[in-house]
C-alpha atoms as a PDB file:
ATOM      1  CA  MET A   1     -17.839  25.236   1.389  1.00  0.00           C
ATOM      2  CA  THR A   2     -21.345  25.135   2.923  1.00  0.00           C
ATOM      3  CA  PHE A   3     -22.168  23.686   6.287  1.00  0.00           C
ATOM      4  CA  LEU A   4     -23.898  20.688   4.791  1.00  0.00           C
ATOM      5  CA  GLU A   5     -20.865  19.960   2.663  1.00  0.00           C
ATOM      6  CA  LYS A   6     -18.598  20.263   5.708  1.00  0.00           C
ATOM      7  CA  ILE A   7     -20.516  17.766   7.847  1.00  0.00           C
ATOM      8  CA  LYS A   8     -20.326  15.109   5.212  1.00  0.00           C
ATOM      9  CA  THR A   9     -16.541  14.822   5.464  1.00  0.00           C
ATOM     10  CA  ALA A  10     -14.746  12.511   7.894  1.00  0.00           C
ATOM     11  CA  TYR A  11     -12.205  15.352   8.536  1.00  0.00           C
ATOM     12  CA  PHE A  12     -14.946  17.454   9.976  1.00  0.00           C
ATOM     13  CA  TRP A  13     -16.112  14.816  12.445  1.00  0.00           C
ATOM     14  CA  LYS A  14     -12.549  14.003  13.524  1.00  0.00           C
ATOM     15  CA  ARG A  15     -11.962  17.671  14.227  1.00  0.00           C
ATOM     16  CA  ALA A  16     -15.391  17.947  15.935  1.00  0.00           C
ATOM     17  CA  LEU A  17     -14.643  15.025  18.281  1.00  0.00           C
ATOM     18  CA  MET A  18     -11.369  16.654  19.241  1.00  0.00           C
ATOM     19  CA  ILE A  19     -13.521  19.501  20.613  1.00  0.00           C
ATOM     20  CA  ILE A  20     -16.632  17.568  21.798  1.00  0.00           C
ATOM     21  CA  ILE A  21     -14.939  15.101  24.078  1.00  0.00           C
ATOM     22  CA  PRO A  22     -12.772  17.488  26.184  1.00  0.00           C
ATOM     23  CA  PHE A  23     -15.646  19.994  26.327  1.00  0.00           C
ATOM     24  CA  PHE A  24     -18.028  17.272  27.533  1.00  0.00           C
ATOM     25  CA  ILE A  25     -15.603  16.101  30.275  1.00  0.00           C
ATOM     26  CA  THR A  26     -15.110  19.715  31.342  1.00  0.00           C
ATOM     27  CA  VAL A  27     -18.780  20.474  31.521  1.00  0.00           C
ATOM     28  CA  VAL A  28     -19.502  17.322  33.562  1.00  0.00           C
ATOM     29  CA  ILE A  29     -16.737  18.202  36.076  1.00  0.00           C
ATOM     30  CA  ILE A  30     -17.894  21.800  36.396  1.00  0.00           C
ATOM     31  CA  SER A  31     -21.516  20.631  36.754  1.00  0.00           C
ATOM     32  CA  LEU A  32     -20.682  18.187  39.455  1.00  0.00           C
ATOM     33  CA  LEU A  33     -18.633  20.891  41.276  1.00  0.00           C
ATOM     34  CA  PHE A  34     -21.587  23.228  41.175  1.00  0.00           C
ATOM     35  CA  ASN A  35     -24.203  20.604  42.158  1.00  0.00           C
ATOM     36  CA  SER A  36     -22.235  18.750  44.845  1.00  0.00           C
ATOM     37  CA  PHE A  37     -19.217  20.789  45.947  1.00  0.00           C
ATOM     38  CA  SER A  38     -19.616  20.061  49.673  1.00  0.00           C
ATOM     39  CA  ALA A  39     -20.211  16.351  49.061  1.00  0.00           C
ATOM     40  CA  ILE A  40     -17.057  16.229  46.885  1.00  0.00           C
ATOM     41  CA  ILE A  41     -14.965  17.896  49.551  1.00  0.00           C
ATOM     42  CA  GLU A  42     -16.335  15.492  52.160  1.00  0.00           C
ATOM     43  CA  ALA A  43     -15.836  12.508  49.740  1.00  0.00           C
ATOM     44  CA  ASP A  44     -19.486  11.501  50.302  1.00  0.00           C
ATOM     45  CA  TRP A  45     -19.889   9.513  47.080  1.00  0.00           C
ATOM     46  CA  GLY A  46     -23.333   8.285  48.163  1.00  0.00           C
ATOM     47  CA  LYS A  47     -24.714  11.788  48.322  1.00  0.00           C
ATOM     48  CA  ILE A  48     -23.139  12.660  44.996  1.00  0.00           C
ATOM     49  CA  MET A  49     -24.707   9.588  43.448  1.00  0.00           C
ATOM     50  CA  ASP A  50     -28.119  10.376  45.009  1.00  0.00           C
ATOM     51  CA  ASP A  51     -28.079  14.047  44.066  1.00  0.00           C
ATOM     52  CA  ASN A  52     -26.997  13.566  40.429  1.00  0.00           C
ATOM     53  CA  PHE A  53     -27.376  10.010  39.172  1.00  0.00           C
ATOM     54  CA  ASN A  54     -29.868   7.800  41.101  1.00  0.00           C
ATOM     55  CA  ARG A  55     -33.581   7.399  40.278  1.00  0.00           C
ATOM     56  CA  GLY A  56     -33.062   8.233  36.583  1.00  0.00           C
ATOM     57  CA  LYS A  57     -31.440  11.555  37.156  1.00  0.00           C
ATOM     58  CA  TRP A  58     -28.359  10.437  35.148  1.00  0.00           C
ATOM     59  CA  LYS A  59     -30.418  10.603  31.975  1.00  0.00           C
ATOM     60  CA  ILE A  60     -31.129  14.313  32.378  1.00  0.00           C
ATOM     61  CA  PHE A  61     -27.715  15.008  33.796  1.00  0.00           C
ATOM     62  CA  PHE A  62     -25.887  13.487  30.790  1.00  0.00           C
ATOM     63  CA  THR A  63     -28.387  14.333  28.027  1.00  0.00           C
ATOM     64  CA  THR A  64     -28.127  18.013  28.518  1.00  0.00           C
ATOM     65  CA  LYS A  65     -24.314  17.826  28.648  1.00  0.00           C
ATOM     66  CA  ILE A  66     -24.114  15.692  25.556  1.00  0.00           C
ATOM     67  CA  ILE A  67     -26.421  18.022  23.527  1.00  0.00           C
ATOM     68  CA  VAL A  68     -24.568  21.108  24.634  1.00  0.00           C
ATOM     69  CA  SER A  69     -21.168  19.544  23.813  1.00  0.00           C
ATOM     70  CA  VAL A  70     -22.199  18.312  20.355  1.00  0.00           C
ATOM     71  CA  VAL A  71     -23.766  21.612  19.386  1.00  0.00           C
ATOM     72  CA  TYR A  72     -20.655  23.570  20.684  1.00  0.00           C
ATOM     73  CA  GLY A  73     -18.240  21.150  18.987  1.00  0.00           C
ATOM     74  CA  VAL A  74     -20.034  21.282  15.599  1.00  0.00           C
ATOM     75  CA  TRP A  75     -20.361  25.033  15.736  1.00  0.00           C
ATOM     76  CA  VAL A  76     -16.726  25.654  16.579  1.00  0.00           C
ATOM     77  CA  THR A  77     -15.517  23.147  13.982  1.00  0.00           C
ATOM     78  CA  SER A  78     -17.749  24.542  11.252  1.00  0.00           C
ATOM     79  CA  ARG A  79     -16.418  28.047  11.928  1.00  0.00           C
ATOM     80  CA  ASN A  80     -12.743  26.874  11.840  1.00  0.00           C
ATOM     81  CA  ILE A  81     -12.875  24.766   8.659  1.00  0.00           C
ATOM     82  CA  LYS A  82     -12.694  26.725   5.457  1.00  0.00           C
END
């Protein structure tokens, strides 16, 4: 089965979402820990918001994580489905 045939099936996307969603959540948490560890320890939510999400930073923050998660999920799923 070729890659294009695989991505046309609902089974493929169900399996891909099972990988994409947990991977996305994990990447977001790890990224927040790397970017704002001291603010997280201090529970300074304003600093976390300012460093990562305010003034349009949320677009870049989430866009990169979504793209990486989708690419990883599709790649892993396509390798595991025969």
